[in-house]
């Protein structure tokens, strides 16, 4: 097992106020649209994670000047829609599926060729779901067998708008098609059977591009310009999720999370936890950078197992590892269905969570698109996060109510999305050690 190791153990009541890092999805998009805009944009609250820094580095390689006056802030000197220039080397997305898929849409419309590469984990993730609709628009993109990276994008393709119905609920696929649509002749429309998060649509509108959107549908035409604008990135709900679960399951806890983004297409876990009996209250709801944010107060509550409603699944796809941790200690059985997408994330999240929970004494049965989890008491033991940042953090939280210490291997990739997690976790009382 590679990477560094965490040890977590039984914790007493968690308490405190914390601010989790900026939203990863919004940070990616803010850099991309600011780079393609006319003029200079300021991005406040930028996530200082490896994934988002990789996206910023790529745009620097493509000729965009990006300044870092201080941590969590970027000043992006936009080059306009047609101002990118060919990079001297392959563009390394690191561990970021969001970065690779969205960049594919942007680069499909350029006059020059590009190659997108990633780390070992990203190189196993399917990209056909993006390259196929882009090919229908006229893009030429070569992949390895099975639609795997690296992606070689031929320059000079003439793109045309399409009407596309997504077979998989994926904001990344929708976003890639819409970004390619900026460069396409005519109108591009994306329809979804299950609505996904609308960060790209909201941000395109904020940068002045005419776009019509509603849950499950987005439509735009080529031929316009992006205007520089300042973006304030809200705190990332996916990062807040681990603390929502931790404070819910550790007796006596009360934790306040400041200014968390509550995009309705992102907060399925919040609804699922409330169905399980969680005590999570919203205070001081407000608008910030086109997104609703609120302070979330979470107190310990006795959770009960539920059948996770199918209509919540697309709105919590990144938060399922945290939900599995909550379900493992809830009263009764939790059933997850309709979540086959989890098998092609940074790891096969269903299999890796199931294996880890079994090692800690929990009964869990996998299905192709989910799992049935019988809540119980967690034993101590050793689990492997398979290099998946969200799984590492989920077991760190679960270990807070285990009977004995839990060792979590291969945690180095937490830095991709949440580099300050161990310090914040310890700050509210989690017993987390790093080796």
Protein backbone atom coordinates (compact mmCIF):
# COMPACT_ATOMS: atom_id res chain seq x y z
CA UNK A 1 0.00 0.00 0.00
CA UNK A 2 1.44 3.36 -1.06
CA UNK A 3 1.08 6.92 0.20
CA UNK A 4 1.01 8.02 3.78
CA UNK A 5 -1.09 6.52 6.54
CA UNK A 6 -3.65 7.93 8.96
CA UNK A 7 -4.71 6.51 12.29
CA UNK A 8 -8.06 7.57 13.72
CA UNK A 9 -9.77 6.48 16.89
CA UNK A 10 -12.65 6.99 19.29
CA UNK A 11 -13.45 10.68 19.82
CA UNK A 12 -15.35 12.55 22.49
CA UNK A 13 -17.85 15.28 21.60
CA UNK A 14 -16.79 17.36 18.59
CA UNK A 15 -17.12 21.14 18.90
CA UNK A 16 -16.10 24.29 17.11
CA UNK A 17 -16.56 26.52 14.08
CA UNK A 18 -14.78 25.71 10.84
CA UNK A 19 -14.48 27.07 7.32
CA UNK A 20 -13.86 24.33 4.78
CA UNK A 21 -11.96 25.12 1.56
CA UNK A 22 -13.52 26.65 -1.53
CA UNK A 23 -15.71 24.59 -3.82
CA UNK A 24 -13.60 22.48 -6.16
CA UNK A 25 -16.11 22.40 -9.03
CA UNK A 26 -16.55 26.19 -8.98
CA UNK A 27 -12.79 26.78 -8.66
CA UNK A 28 -12.13 24.75 -11.83
CA UNK A 29 -14.81 26.61 -13.79
CA UNK A 30 -13.80 30.05 -12.51
CA UNK A 31 -10.25 29.60 -13.81
CA UNK A 32 -11.46 28.25 -17.17
CA UNK A 33 -14.03 30.95 -17.92
CA UNK A 34 -11.81 33.76 -16.58
CA UNK A 35 -9.04 32.55 -18.90
CA UNK A 36 -11.40 32.64 -21.91
CA UNK A 37 -12.93 36.01 -21.00
CA UNK A 38 -12.03 39.47 -22.26
CA UNK A 39 -10.35 41.35 -19.41
CA UNK A 40 -9.03 40.56 -15.93
CA UNK A 41 -10.99 38.55 -13.35
CA UNK A 42 -10.37 38.09 -9.63
CA UNK A 43 -11.16 34.71 -8.08
CA UNK A 44 -11.54 34.78 -4.28
CA UNK A 45 -11.82 31.58 -2.21
CA UNK A 46 -10.02 29.48 -4.84
CA UNK A 47 -9.40 25.94 -3.60
CA UNK A 48 -5.67 25.40 -3.01
CA UNK A 49 -5.89 21.71 -3.94
CA UNK A 50 -3.79 19.73 -6.39
CA UNK A 51 -6.69 19.26 -8.83
CA UNK A 52 -7.54 22.93 -9.14
CA UNK A 53 -3.90 24.01 -9.24
CA UNK A 54 -3.42 21.57 -12.11
CA UNK A 55 -6.17 23.36 -14.06
CA UNK A 56 -4.55 26.74 -13.37
CA UNK A 57 -1.15 25.38 -14.49
CA UNK A 58 -2.68 24.07 -17.72
CA UNK A 59 -4.08 27.49 -18.62
CA UNK A 60 -0.69 29.01 -17.85
CA UNK A 61 0.80 26.47 -20.28
CA UNK A 62 -1.81 27.66 -22.82
CA UNK A 63 -0.58 31.24 -22.54
CA UNK A 64 -2.80 32.74 -19.83
CA UNK A 65 -1.16 34.92 -17.16
CA UNK A 66 -2.45 33.94 -13.72
CA UNK A 67 -1.20 35.71 -10.61
CA UNK A 68 -1.40 34.44 -7.01
CA UNK A 69 -1.32 37.51 -4.74
CA UNK A 70 -2.02 35.30 -1.73
CA UNK A 71 -3.41 31.87 -0.86
CA UNK A 72 -6.94 31.22 -2.13
CA UNK A 73 -6.81 34.13 -4.56
CA UNK A 74 -6.09 34.23 -8.29
CA UNK A 75 -5.94 37.14 -10.72
CA UNK A 76 -6.61 35.81 -14.23
CA UNK A 77 -5.70 37.92 -17.24
CA UNK A 78 -8.15 36.57 -19.80
CA UNK A 79 -7.03 36.10 -23.39
CA UNK A 80 -10.49 35.94 -24.96
CA UNK A 81 -12.21 33.03 -26.61
CA UNK A 82 -9.57 32.61 -29.32
CA UNK A 83 -6.47 33.74 -27.44
CA UNK A 84 -5.15 30.40 -26.13
CA UNK A 85 -1.96 29.18 -27.75
CA UNK A 86 -0.50 25.74 -28.24
CA UNK A 87 1.30 24.27 -25.24
CA UNK A 88 4.85 23.01 -25.54
CA UNK A 89 4.06 19.81 -23.65
CA UNK A 90 1.18 17.48 -22.74
CA UNK A 91 -1.31 19.08 -20.36
CA UNK A 92 -1.25 17.21 -17.04
CA UNK A 93 -4.61 17.07 -15.24
CA UNK A 94 -3.17 15.08 -12.33
CA UNK A 95 -6.00 13.27 -10.55
CA UNK A 96 -8.79 15.53 -11.83
CA UNK A 97 -11.59 14.01 -13.88
CA UNK A 98 -13.41 17.36 -13.80
CA UNK A 99 -10.39 19.14 -15.21
CA UNK A 100 -9.83 16.62 -17.99
CA UNK A 101 -13.45 16.37 -19.11
CA UNK A 102 -14.14 20.11 -19.10
CA UNK A 103 -10.83 20.92 -20.81
CA UNK A 104 -11.73 18.43 -23.50
CA UNK A 105 -14.70 20.64 -24.39
CA UNK A 106 -12.64 23.83 -24.40
CA UNK A 107 -9.75 22.37 -26.41
CA UNK A 108 -12.00 20.68 -29.00
CA UNK A 109 -12.68 24.15 -30.42
CA UNK A 110 -9.08 25.38 -30.69
CA UNK A 111 -7.06 25.84 -33.86
CA UNK A 112 -4.14 23.87 -32.36
CA UNK A 113 -3.66 20.28 -31.18
CA UNK A 114 -3.46 19.32 -27.49
CA UNK A 115 -2.81 16.21 -25.43
CA UNK A 116 -4.43 15.72 -22.02
CA UNK A 117 -2.75 13.30 -19.60
CA UNK A 118 -3.32 12.35 -15.96
CA UNK A 119 -2.00 10.26 -13.11
CA UNK A 120 -2.41 6.49 -12.82
CA UNK A 121 -5.89 6.76 -11.32
CA UNK A 122 -7.20 9.27 -13.87
CA UNK A 123 -5.74 7.18 -16.70
CA UNK A 124 -8.20 4.41 -15.77
CA UNK A 125 -11.30 6.62 -15.86
CA UNK A 126 -13.68 6.51 -18.86
CA UNK A 127 -13.62 9.50 -21.19
CA UNK A 128 -15.79 8.08 -23.99
CA UNK A 129 -18.86 9.64 -22.40
CA UNK A 130 -17.31 13.04 -23.24
CA UNK A 131 -15.47 12.28 -26.48
CA UNK A 132 -18.55 10.74 -28.14
CA UNK A 133 -20.81 13.83 -27.99
CA UNK A 134 -17.84 16.05 -28.86
CA UNK A 135 -17.18 13.86 -31.90
CA UNK A 136 -20.83 14.35 -32.90
CA UNK A 137 -20.08 18.11 -32.85
CA UNK A 138 -17.15 17.57 -35.23
CA UNK A 139 -14.25 17.24 -32.81
CA UNK A 140 -11.47 14.71 -33.45
CA UNK A 141 -10.20 13.13 -30.24
CA UNK A 142 -8.13 9.96 -29.97
CA UNK A 143 -8.03 7.84 -26.80
CA UNK A 144 -6.56 4.56 -25.67
CA UNK A 145 -8.70 1.44 -26.05
CA UNK A 146 -11.81 1.69 -23.94
CA UNK A 147 -11.96 5.48 -24.21
CA UNK A 148 -9.16 5.93 -21.67
CA UNK A 149 -6.64 8.80 -21.38
CA UNK A 150 -4.41 10.20 -22.68
CA UNK A 151 -6.67 12.24 -24.95
CA UNK A 152 -5.18 13.58 -28.18
CA UNK A 153 -7.28 16.44 -29.53
CA UNK A 154 -6.75 17.45 -33.16
CA UNK A 155 -6.77 21.19 -33.79
CA UNK A 156 -8.76 23.08 -36.40
CA UNK A 157 -11.99 21.10 -36.17
CA UNK A 158 -15.10 23.00 -37.23
CA UNK A 159 -17.66 22.43 -34.51
CA UNK A 160 -21.41 22.53 -34.98
CA UNK A 161 -24.08 22.72 -32.31
CA UNK A 162 -26.04 19.58 -31.43
CA UNK A 163 -29.02 18.60 -29.32
CA UNK A 164 -27.68 15.98 -26.93
CA UNK A 165 -29.50 13.76 -24.44
CA UNK A 166 -27.01 12.50 -21.84
CA UNK A 167 -27.22 8.73 -21.19
CA UNK A 168 -25.42 9.18 -17.82
CA UNK A 169 -26.25 11.84 -15.22
CA UNK A 170 -22.98 13.79 -15.31
CA UNK A 171 -22.40 17.51 -14.87
CA UNK A 172 -18.94 16.98 -16.35
CA UNK A 173 -20.34 15.63 -19.63
CA UNK A 174 -22.95 18.39 -19.81
CA UNK A 175 -20.29 21.01 -19.11
CA UNK A 176 -17.87 19.67 -21.74
CA UNK A 177 -20.58 19.83 -24.40
CA UNK A 178 -21.65 23.36 -23.39
CA UNK A 179 -18.03 24.60 -23.37
CA UNK A 180 -17.50 23.16 -26.84
CA UNK A 181 -20.75 24.90 -27.78
CA UNK A 182 -19.04 28.27 -27.20
CA UNK A 183 -16.97 27.48 -30.28
CA UNK A 184 -19.71 25.82 -32.35
CA UNK A 185 -21.83 27.12 -35.17
CA UNK A 186 -25.48 27.30 -34.22
CA UNK A 187 -27.16 26.16 -31.03
CA UNK A 188 -26.04 23.53 -28.54
CA UNK A 189 -28.57 21.95 -26.21
CA UNK A 190 -28.10 19.35 -23.48
CA UNK A 191 -31.00 17.45 -21.95
CA UNK A 192 -30.68 15.20 -18.90
CA UNK A 193 -33.05 12.53 -17.59
CA UNK A 194 -31.81 13.37 -14.09
CA UNK A 195 -30.80 17.03 -13.52
CA UNK A 196 -27.19 17.55 -12.43
CA UNK A 197 -25.43 20.50 -10.80
CA UNK A 198 -25.62 23.69 -12.83
CA UNK A 199 -22.33 25.40 -11.91
CA UNK A 200 -21.26 25.79 -15.53
CA UNK A 201 -24.57 27.32 -16.59
CA UNK A 202 -24.62 29.80 -13.69
CA UNK A 203 -21.03 30.81 -14.29
CA UNK A 204 -21.46 31.24 -18.05
CA UNK A 205 -24.33 33.60 -17.29
CA UNK A 206 -22.17 35.46 -14.73
CA UNK A 207 -19.49 35.93 -17.41
CA UNK A 208 -22.12 37.40 -19.74
CA UNK A 209 -22.76 34.51 -22.15
CA UNK A 210 -26.46 34.22 -23.15
CA UNK A 211 -27.67 30.84 -21.88
CA UNK A 212 -31.10 29.42 -21.06
CA UNK A 213 -31.21 26.72 -18.39
CA UNK A 214 -33.52 24.93 -16.01
CA UNK A 215 -33.18 21.62 -14.15
CA UNK A 216 -32.40 18.96 -16.77
CA UNK A 217 -31.91 21.31 -19.71
CA UNK A 218 -29.42 23.92 -20.93
CA UNK A 219 -29.18 25.73 -24.27
CA UNK A 220 -26.72 28.23 -25.73
CA UNK A 221 -25.50 29.46 -29.13
CA UNK A 222 -21.97 30.17 -30.33
CA UNK A 223 -20.78 33.56 -31.51
CA UNK A 224 -20.77 35.55 -28.24
CA UNK A 225 -18.03 36.73 -25.87
CA UNK A 226 -17.21 36.14 -22.21
CA UNK A 227 -16.72 39.29 -20.11
CA UNK A 228 -14.31 39.28 -17.17
CA UNK A 229 -16.02 39.17 -13.79
CA UNK A 230 -15.00 38.65 -10.19
CA UNK A 231 -15.91 35.30 -8.61
CA UNK A 232 -16.28 34.53 -4.90
CA UNK A 233 -16.05 30.76 -4.46
CA UNK A 234 -18.29 29.38 -1.68
CA UNK A 235 -17.10 26.70 0.75
CA UNK A 236 -17.27 23.23 -0.82
CA UNK A 237 -20.31 21.18 0.25
CA UNK A 238 -18.41 17.96 -0.58
CA UNK A 239 -15.74 18.94 1.95
CA UNK A 240 -18.35 19.99 4.51
CA UNK A 241 -20.01 16.57 4.12
CA UNK A 242 -17.40 14.76 6.23
CA UNK A 243 -17.97 17.11 9.17
CA UNK A 244 -21.75 16.90 8.80
CA UNK A 245 -21.45 13.13 9.23
CA UNK A 246 -18.82 13.33 11.98
CA UNK A 247 -20.85 15.67 14.18
CA UNK A 248 -24.01 13.66 13.51
CA UNK A 249 -22.53 10.35 14.72
CA UNK A 250 -20.25 11.38 17.63
CA UNK A 251 -22.37 11.78 20.81
CA UNK A 252 -22.53 15.25 22.31
CA UNK A 253 -21.21 17.04 19.21
CA UNK A 254 -22.08 20.52 17.96
CA UNK A 255 -20.19 21.96 14.98
CA UNK A 256 -20.83 25.10 12.91
CA UNK A 257 -19.69 25.17 9.27
CA UNK A 258 -19.44 28.67 7.81
CA UNK A 259 -20.61 29.86 4.36
CA UNK A 260 -21.18 26.42 2.77
CA UNK A 261 -22.38 26.37 -0.84
CA UNK A 262 -25.92 24.96 -1.06
CA UNK A 263 -26.44 24.57 -4.79
CA UNK A 264 -29.64 22.48 -4.97
CA UNK A 265 -28.04 20.04 -7.42
CA UNK A 266 -25.25 19.38 -4.94
CA UNK A 267 -26.93 18.86 -1.58
CA UNK A 268 -28.55 15.44 -1.90
CA UNK A 269 -26.53 14.24 1.10
CA UNK A 270 -28.05 16.98 3.25
CA UNK A 271 -31.53 15.69 2.41
CA UNK A 272 -30.49 12.05 2.89
CA UNK A 273 -28.96 12.73 6.32
CA UNK A 274 -32.11 14.58 7.38
CA UNK A 275 -34.19 11.59 6.29
CA UNK A 276 -31.93 9.49 8.54
CA UNK A 277 -32.74 11.80 11.47
CA UNK A 278 -29.75 14.18 11.39
CA UNK A 279 -30.08 17.52 13.19
CA UNK A 280 -28.66 20.01 10.65
CA UNK A 281 -29.90 23.60 10.66
CA UNK A 282 -29.25 26.40 8.16
CA UNK A 283 -28.50 29.93 9.35
CA UNK A 284 -27.90 33.23 7.53
CA UNK A 285 -28.68 32.00 4.01
CA UNK A 286 -27.36 34.44 1.41
CA UNK A 287 -26.20 34.80 -2.20
CA UNK A 288 -22.48 34.70 -2.94
CA UNK A 289 -21.14 34.70 -6.47
CA UNK A 290 -24.46 33.53 -7.91
CA UNK A 291 -24.67 30.63 -5.45
CA UNK A 292 -26.71 30.24 -2.26
CA UNK A 293 -24.56 29.80 0.84
CA UNK A 294 -25.50 29.31 4.50
CA UNK A 295 -23.92 28.49 7.83
CA UNK A 296 -24.72 24.88 8.78
CA UNK A 297 -25.12 23.95 12.45
CA UNK A 298 -24.98 20.20 13.05
CA UNK A 299 -25.59 18.41 16.34
CA UNK A 300 -25.36 14.73 17.26
CA UNK A 301 -28.49 12.75 16.46
CA UNK A 302 -29.37 9.09 16.43
CA UNK A 303 -29.43 8.09 12.76
CA UNK A 304 -31.65 5.39 11.27
CA UNK A 305 -31.22 3.44 8.06
CA UNK A 306 -33.17 4.51 4.96
CA UNK A 307 -33.71 3.55 1.35
CA UNK A 308 -31.88 6.42 -0.35
CA UNK A 309 -34.42 8.00 -2.75
CA UNK A 310 -33.38 7.51 -6.38
CA UNK A 311 -34.00 11.15 -7.20
CA UNK A 312 -31.32 12.20 -4.68
CA UNK A 313 -28.59 10.01 -6.17
CA UNK A 314 -27.32 12.39 -8.91
CA UNK A 315 -27.23 15.24 -6.38
CA UNK A 316 -24.96 13.37 -3.95
CA UNK A 317 -22.77 11.22 -6.19
CA UNK A 318 -19.52 12.58 -4.67
CA UNK A 319 -20.81 12.26 -1.11
CA UNK A 320 -21.67 8.55 -1.08
CA UNK A 321 -18.50 7.48 0.77
CA UNK A 322 -19.53 9.80 3.62
CA UNK A 323 -23.08 8.42 3.49
CA UNK A 324 -21.71 4.85 3.73
CA UNK A 325 -19.89 5.89 6.91
CA UNK A 326 -23.13 7.28 8.37
CA UNK A 327 -25.10 4.19 7.32
CA UNK A 328 -22.55 1.89 8.97
CA UNK A 329 -23.46 3.23 12.42
CA UNK A 330 -27.17 3.97 11.86
CA UNK A 331 -29.96 1.92 13.42
CA UNK A 332 -31.28 -0.53 10.82
CA UNK A 333 -30.48 -1.00 7.15
CA UNK A 334 -29.60 1.54 4.45
CA UNK A 335 -30.10 0.68 0.78
CA UNK A 336 -28.40 2.50 -2.09
CA UNK A 337 -29.54 1.94 -5.68
CA UNK A 338 -29.00 3.73 -8.99
CA UNK A 339 -25.41 4.70 -8.17
CA UNK A 340 -23.40 2.65 -10.71
CA UNK A 341 -21.42 5.84 -11.45
CA UNK A 342 -19.59 5.22 -8.16
CA UNK A 343 -17.72 2.33 -9.75
CA UNK A 344 -15.84 4.63 -12.14
CA UNK A 345 -14.74 7.40 -9.77
CA UNK A 346 -11.18 7.77 -8.42
CA UNK A 347 -11.71 4.20 -7.28
CA UNK A 348 -14.58 1.72 -7.44
CA UNK A 349 -16.15 3.47 -4.46
CA UNK A 350 -18.79 0.81 -3.85
CA UNK A 351 -16.22 -2.00 -3.71
CA UNK A 352 -13.61 -0.10 -1.71
CA UNK A 353 -16.07 1.21 0.89
CA UNK A 354 -17.67 -2.23 1.18
CA UNK A 355 -14.33 -3.95 1.69
CA UNK A 356 -13.24 -1.41 4.31
CA UNK A 357 -16.49 -1.53 6.26
CA UNK A 358 -16.41 -5.34 6.28
CA UNK A 359 -12.91 -5.19 7.75
CA UNK A 360 -14.37 -3.06 10.54
CA UNK A 361 -17.13 -5.55 11.28
CA UNK A 362 -20.04 -4.14 9.26
CA UNK A 363 -22.29 -6.38 7.12
CA UNK A 364 -22.63 -4.93 3.64
CA UNK A 365 -23.86 -6.51 0.41
CA UNK A 366 -22.83 -5.00 -2.91
CA UNK A 367 -25.05 -4.74 -5.97
CA UNK A 368 -23.95 -3.55 -9.43
CA UNK A 369 -25.40 -0.09 -8.74
CA UNK A 370 -25.26 0.21 -4.96
CA UNK A 371 -25.19 -1.64 -1.67
CA UNK A 372 -27.22 -2.71 1.34
CA UNK A 373 -25.57 -1.68 4.60
CA UNK A 374 -26.61 -3.12 7.96
CA UNK A 375 -25.84 -0.55 10.64
CA UNK A 376 -23.87 -1.72 13.67
CA UNK A 377 -20.83 -1.03 15.82
CA UNK A 378 -17.49 -0.47 14.15
CA UNK A 379 -14.47 -2.44 15.29
CA UNK A 380 -10.92 -1.20 14.97
CA UNK A 381 -8.73 -2.47 12.16
CA UNK A 382 -6.88 -1.58 8.98
CA UNK A 383 -8.48 -0.36 5.74
CA UNK A 384 -7.13 0.68 2.34
CA UNK A 385 -8.47 3.91 0.80
CA UNK A 386 -7.18 2.81 -2.65
CA UNK A 387 -5.70 6.28 -3.13
CA UNK A 388 -9.19 7.82 -3.11
CA UNK A 389 -9.35 11.09 -1.16
CA UNK A 390 -13.07 10.88 -0.32
CA UNK A 391 -12.76 7.32 0.97
CA UNK A 392 -9.80 8.23 3.19
CA UNK A 393 -11.76 11.08 4.78
CA UNK A 394 -14.88 8.94 5.18
CA UNK A 395 -12.99 6.29 7.15
CA UNK A 396 -11.33 9.04 9.23
CA UNK A 397 -14.83 10.11 10.25
CA UNK A 398 -16.14 6.57 10.79
CA UNK A 399 -13.17 5.77 13.04
CA UNK A 400 -14.35 8.44 15.49
CA UNK A 401 -17.03 6.01 16.73
CA UNK A 402 -15.07 2.76 16.36
CA UNK A 403 -14.33 0.59 19.41
CA UNK A 404 -10.59 0.77 18.73
CA UNK A 405 -8.20 2.68 16.43
CA UNK A 406 -8.60 2.44 12.66
CA UNK A 407 -5.55 2.57 10.38
CA UNK A 408 -6.20 4.02 6.91
CA UNK A 409 -3.60 3.38 4.23
CA UNK A 410 -2.86 5.31 1.02
CA UNK A 411 -4.13 8.76 2.07
CA UNK A 412 -1.74 10.97 0.08
CA UNK A 413 -4.40 11.94 -2.49
CA UNK A 414 -6.47 13.86 0.08
CA UNK A 415 -4.39 16.85 -1.02
CA UNK A 416 -6.22 16.78 -4.38
CA UNK A 417 -9.40 18.19 -2.85
CA UNK A 418 -8.87 19.01 0.83
CA UNK A 419 -5.24 19.58 1.80
CA UNK A 420 -6.10 20.99 5.26
CA UNK A 421 -8.43 18.18 6.31
CA UNK A 422 -6.30 16.60 9.08
CA UNK A 423 -5.70 19.95 10.83
CA UNK A 424 -9.37 20.98 10.65
CA UNK A 425 -10.46 17.54 11.85
CA UNK A 426 -8.15 17.69 14.86
CA UNK A 427 -9.30 21.27 15.55
CA UNK A 428 -12.84 20.11 16.35
CA UNK A 429 -11.74 17.04 18.30
CA UNK A 430 -11.22 14.15 15.88
CA UNK A 431 -8.35 11.90 16.96
CA UNK A 432 -6.47 11.79 13.66
CA UNK A 433 -2.73 11.12 13.42
CA UNK A 434 -0.59 11.11 10.25
CA UNK A 435 2.48 8.96 9.58
